Amino acid sequence: MRELLRNFQSNCIAVGPDRNVLLRKLVAAGIAYAVPVPCGEGDQYRIAYEKVAMIPAMKVISEVNEVMLLGNTDEVLNDVRTLWESRYKILNTPIVTDKIYDHVELLRAPANDLVETYNHWVRDFQDASVRVISRGV
């Protein structure tokens, strides 16, 4: 994770507040897609999140925050929860949600579309999150 964050600092084209928003969204997506989603009752997503995803999410957020300040870590944790719960619902119910797409809407601005930059980095953040989580909690 540290190497990825140094690489992000050196090579990410976004600057200022855009970079901070982008980092928070990348960390959240990396975690949400790295933590496995169990099969279960469709309406049990909150309980499943607390049992399966919340502690690994806090671990990754803490590790990232040691290298680069995320700012609003509650926002990151909320985004992780929203994305992970959306994945849970997709897997366990036939109901479709658009919350996954809402996640990147903040990256679209009239003057600066960061979605391409997000897509460039998101797999790396997912892979780094998997490595952090696999070390155990």
C-alpha atoms as a PDB file:
ATOM      1  CA  MET A   1       0.000   0.000   0.000  1.00  0.00           C
ATOM      2  CA  ARG A   2       2.793   2.418   0.865  1.00  0.00           C
ATOM      3  CA  GLU A   3       4.409   1.945  -2.548  1.00  0.00           C
ATOM      4  CA  LEU A   4       1.094   2.512  -4.305  1.00  0.00           C
ATOM      5  CA  LEU A   5       0.473   5.696  -2.320  1.00  0.00           C
ATOM      6  CA  ARG A   6       3.944   7.032  -3.152  1.00  0.00           C
ATOM      7  CA  ASN A   7       3.291   6.218  -6.805  1.00  0.00           C
ATOM      8  CA  PHE A   8      -0.094   7.963  -6.588  1.00  0.00           C
ATOM      9  CA  GLN A   9       1.509  11.058  -5.030  1.00  0.00           C
ATOM     10  CA  SER A  10       4.128  11.204  -7.774  1.00  0.00           C
ATOM     11  CA  ASN A  11       2.046  10.310 -10.814  1.00  0.00           C
ATOM     12  CA  CYS A  12      -1.574  11.294 -10.257  1.00  0.00           C
ATOM     13  CA  ILE A  13      -2.536  14.188 -12.496  1.00  0.00           C
ATOM     14  CA  ALA A  14      -5.251  15.483 -10.157  1.00  0.00           C
ATOM     15  CA  VAL A  15      -4.234  18.276  -7.786  1.00  0.00           C
ATOM     16  CA  GLY A  16      -5.558  20.033  -4.693  1.00  0.00           C
ATOM     17  CA  PRO A  17      -9.041  19.166  -3.435  1.00  0.00           C
ATOM     18  CA  ASP A  18      -9.709  17.029  -6.538  1.00  0.00           C
ATOM     19  CA  ARG A  19      -6.796  14.787  -5.586  1.00  0.00           C
ATOM     20  CA  ASN A  20      -8.098  14.379  -2.024  1.00  0.00           C
ATOM     21  CA  VAL A  21     -11.601  13.466  -3.233  1.00  0.00           C
ATOM     22  CA  LEU A  22     -10.133  11.075  -5.786  1.00  0.00           C
ATOM     23  CA  LEU A  23      -7.941   9.407  -3.147  1.00  0.00           C
ATOM     24  CA  ARG A  24     -10.894   8.918  -0.786  1.00  0.00           C
ATOM     25  CA  LYS A  25     -13.000   7.385  -3.581  1.00  0.00           C
ATOM     26  CA  LEU A  26     -10.162   5.108  -4.695  1.00  0.00           C
ATOM     27  CA  VAL A  27      -9.479   3.872  -1.177  1.00  0.00           C
ATOM     28  CA  ALA A  28     -13.184   3.227  -0.583  1.00  0.00           C
ATOM     29  CA  ALA A  29     -13.607   1.332  -3.853  1.00  0.00           C
ATOM     30  CA  GLY A  30     -10.396  -0.606  -3.331  1.00  0.00           C
ATOM     31  CA  ILE A  31     -11.632  -1.813   0.036  1.00  0.00           C
ATOM     32  CA  ALA A  32     -15.245  -2.433  -1.006  1.00  0.00           C
ATOM     33  CA  TYR A  33     -14.192  -4.623  -3.907  1.00  0.00           C
ATOM     34  CA  ALA A  34     -11.393  -6.376  -2.001  1.00  0.00           C
ATOM     35  CA  VAL A  35     -13.535  -7.622   0.892  1.00  0.00           C
ATOM     36  CA  PRO A  36     -15.446 -10.790  -0.040  1.00  0.00           C
ATOM     37  CA  VAL A  37     -19.234 -10.722  -0.098  1.00  0.00           C
ATOM     38  CA  PRO A  38     -20.978 -13.752   1.426  1.00  0.00           C
ATOM     39  CA  CYS A  39     -24.205 -15.304   0.235  1.00  0.00           C
ATOM     40  CA  GLY A  40     -27.034 -14.627   2.639  1.00  0.00           C
ATOM     41  CA  GLU A  41     -30.474 -13.190   3.148  1.00  0.00           C
ATOM     42  CA  GLY A  42     -30.997 -10.112   0.998  1.00  0.00           C
ATOM     43  CA  ASP A  43     -32.134  -7.933   3.879  1.00  0.00           C
ATOM     44  CA  GLN A  44     -29.169  -8.826   6.132  1.00  0.00           C
ATOM     45  CA  TYR A  45     -26.650  -6.584   4.348  1.00  0.00           C
ATOM     46  CA  ARG A  46     -25.999  -4.299   7.333  1.00  0.00           C
ATOM     47  CA  ILE A  47     -25.289  -7.192   9.683  1.00  0.00           C
ATOM     48  CA  ALA A  48     -23.087  -8.849   7.045  1.00  0.00           C
ATOM     49  CA  TYR A  49     -21.164  -5.589   6.542  1.00  0.00           C
ATOM     50  CA  GLU A  50     -20.448  -5.270  10.263  1.00  0.00           C
ATOM     51  CA  LYS A  51     -19.326  -8.913  10.516  1.00  0.00           C
ATOM     52  CA  VAL A  52     -17.288  -9.149   7.318  1.00  0.00           C
ATOM     53  CA  ALA A  53     -16.193  -5.760   6.002  1.00  0.00           C
ATOM     54  CA  MET A  54     -16.055  -3.077   8.664  1.00  0.00           C
ATOM     55  CA  ILE A  55     -12.884  -4.167  10.503  1.00  0.00           C
ATOM     56  CA  PRO A  56     -10.855  -4.805   7.308  1.00  0.00           C
ATOM     57  CA  ALA A  57     -12.061  -1.418   6.021  1.00  0.00           C
ATOM     58  CA  MET A  58     -10.850   0.361   9.145  1.00  0.00           C
ATOM     59  CA  LYS A  59      -7.515  -1.458   8.892  1.00  0.00           C
ATOM     60  CA  VAL A  60      -6.902  -0.308   5.311  1.00  0.00           C
ATOM     61  CA  ILE A  61      -8.094   3.233   6.035  1.00  0.00           C
ATOM     62  CA  SER A  62      -5.724   3.403   9.005  1.00  0.00           C
ATOM     63  CA  GLU A  63      -2.785   2.182   6.925  1.00  0.00           C
ATOM     64  CA  VAL A  64      -3.514   4.697   4.154  1.00  0.00           C
ATOM     65  CA  ASN A  65      -3.933   7.497   6.693  1.00  0.00           C
ATOM     66  CA  GLU A  66      -0.447   6.785   8.079  1.00  0.00           C
ATOM     67  CA  VAL A  67       1.039   7.652   4.681  1.00  0.00           C
ATOM     68  CA  MET A  68      -1.414  10.189   3.236  1.00  0.00           C
ATOM     69  CA  LEU A  69      -4.057  11.988   5.243  1.00  0.00           C
ATOM     70  CA  LEU A  70      -7.459  11.091   3.867  1.00  0.00           C
ATOM     71  CA  GLY A  71      -9.215  13.945   5.594  1.00  0.00           C
ATOM     72  CA  ASN A  72     -12.735  12.743   6.256  1.00  0.00           C
ATOM     73  CA  THR A  73     -12.281   9.077   7.141  1.00  0.00           C
ATOM     74  CA  ASP A  74     -15.979   8.800   8.038  1.00  0.00           C
ATOM     75  CA  GLU A  75     -16.770   9.654   4.411  1.00  0.00           C
ATOM     76  CA  VAL A  76     -14.421   6.901   3.226  1.00  0.00           C
ATOM     77  CA  LEU A  77     -15.959   4.365   5.606  1.00  0.00           C
ATOM     78  CA  ASN A  78     -19.460   5.403   4.508  1.00  0.00           C
ATOM     79  CA  ASP A  79     -18.475   4.969   0.841  1.00  0.00           C
ATOM     80  CA  VAL A  80     -17.016   1.536   1.616  1.00  0.00           C
ATOM     81  CA  ARG A  81     -20.269   0.564   3.321  1.00  0.00           C
ATOM     82  CA  THR A  82     -22.419   1.857   0.468  1.00  0.00           C
ATOM     83  CA  LEU A  83     -20.398   0.082  -2.220  1.00  0.00           C
ATOM     84  CA  TRP A  84     -19.993  -3.165  -0.283  1.00  0.00           C
ATOM     85  CA  GLU A  85     -23.689  -3.278   0.630  1.00  0.00           C
ATOM     86  CA  SER A  86     -24.564  -2.659  -3.026  1.00  0.00           C
ATOM     87  CA  ARG A  87     -22.396  -5.631  -3.980  1.00  0.00           C
ATOM     88  CA  TYR A  88     -24.119  -7.703  -1.279  1.00  0.00           C
ATOM     89  CA  LYS A  89     -27.560  -6.748  -2.582  1.00  0.00           C
ATOM     90  CA  ILE A  90     -26.592  -7.519  -6.181  1.00  0.00           C
ATOM     91  CA  LEU A  91     -25.377 -10.951  -5.123  1.00  0.00           C
ATOM     92  CA  ASN A  92     -28.246 -11.785  -2.795  1.00  0.00           C
ATOM     93  CA  THR A  93     -31.345 -10.091  -4.239  1.00  0.00           C
ATOM     94  CA  PRO A  94     -32.777  -9.431  -7.683  1.00  0.00           C
ATOM     95  CA  ILE A  95     -33.105  -5.733  -6.873  1.00  0.00           C
ATOM     96  CA  VAL A  96     -30.760  -3.421  -8.776  1.00  0.00           C
ATOM     97  CA  THR A  97     -29.276  -0.364  -7.098  1.00  0.00           C
ATOM     98  CA  ASP A  98     -27.534   2.595  -8.653  1.00  0.00           C
ATOM     99  CA  LYS A  99     -25.454   3.398  -5.541  1.00  0.00           C
ATOM    100  CA  ILE A 100     -22.334   2.038  -7.210  1.00  0.00           C
ATOM    101  CA  TYR A 101     -22.591   4.657  -9.923  1.00  0.00           C
ATOM    102  CA  ASP A 102     -23.337   7.430  -7.426  1.00  0.00           C
ATOM    103  CA  HIS A 103     -19.923   6.710  -5.903  1.00  0.00           C
ATOM    104  CA  VAL A 104     -18.065   8.337  -8.793  1.00  0.00           C
ATOM    105  CA  GLU A 105     -20.497  11.201  -9.458  1.00  0.00           C
ATOM    106  CA  LEU A 106     -18.470  13.546  -7.240  1.00  0.00           C
ATOM    107  CA  LEU A 107     -15.559  13.015  -9.612  1.00  0.00           C
ATOM    108  CA  ARG A 108     -17.538  14.526 -12.481  1.00  0.00           C
ATOM    109  CA  ALA A 109     -17.337  18.280 -12.542  1.00  0.00           C
ATOM    110  CA  PRO A 110     -17.921  20.674 -15.417  1.00  0.00           C
ATOM    111  CA  ALA A 111     -14.283  21.744 -15.418  1.00  0.00           C
ATOM    112  CA  ASN A 112     -12.594  18.478 -14.473  1.00  0.00           C
ATOM    113  CA  ASP A 113     -13.717  14.922 -15.193  1.00  0.00           C
ATOM    114  CA  LEU A 114     -11.669  12.610 -12.957  1.00  0.00           C
ATOM    115  CA  VAL A 115     -13.478   9.388 -13.864  1.00  0.00           C
ATOM    116  CA  GLU A 116     -10.760   8.362 -16.322  1.00  0.00           C
ATOM    117  CA  THR A 117      -8.116   8.958 -13.664  1.00  0.00           C
ATOM    118  CA  TYR A 118     -10.224   7.012 -11.153  1.00  0.00           C
ATOM    119  CA  ASN A 119     -10.488   4.080 -13.582  1.00  0.00           C
ATOM    120  CA  HIS A 120      -6.720   4.182 -14.131  1.00  0.00           C
ATOM    121  CA  TRP A 121      -5.971   3.778 -10.405  1.00  0.00           C
ATOM    122  CA  VAL A 122      -8.873   1.787  -8.919  1.00  0.00           C
ATOM    123  CA  ARG A 123      -7.575  -1.748  -9.663  1.00  0.00           C
ATOM    124  CA  ASP A 124      -4.244  -0.901  -8.026  1.00  0.00           C
ATOM    125  CA  PHE A 125      -6.054   0.286  -4.888  1.00  0.00           C
ATOM    126  CA  GLN A 126      -8.143  -2.887  -4.887  1.00  0.00           C
ATOM    127  CA  ASP A 127      -5.030  -5.078  -5.174  1.00  0.00           C
ATOM    128  CA  ALA A 128      -3.258  -3.143  -2.415  1.00  0.00           C
ATOM    129  CA  SER A 129      -6.325  -3.444  -0.175  1.00  0.00           C
ATOM    130  CA  VAL A 130      -6.378  -7.211  -0.721  1.00  0.00           C
ATOM    131  CA  ARG A 131      -2.737  -7.402   0.373  1.00  0.00           C
ATOM    132  CA  VAL A 132      -3.380  -5.334   3.529  1.00  0.00           C
ATOM    133  CA  ILE A 133      -6.483  -7.349   4.432  1.00  0.00           C
ATOM    134  CA  SER A 134      -4.748 -10.692   3.810  1.00  0.00           C
ATOM    135  CA  ARG A 135      -2.138  -9.859   6.475  1.00  0.00           C
ATOM    136  CA  GLY A 136      -4.891 -10.330   9.054  1.00  0.00           C
ATOM    137  CA  VAL A 137      -6.590  -7.992  11.461  1.00  0.00           C
END
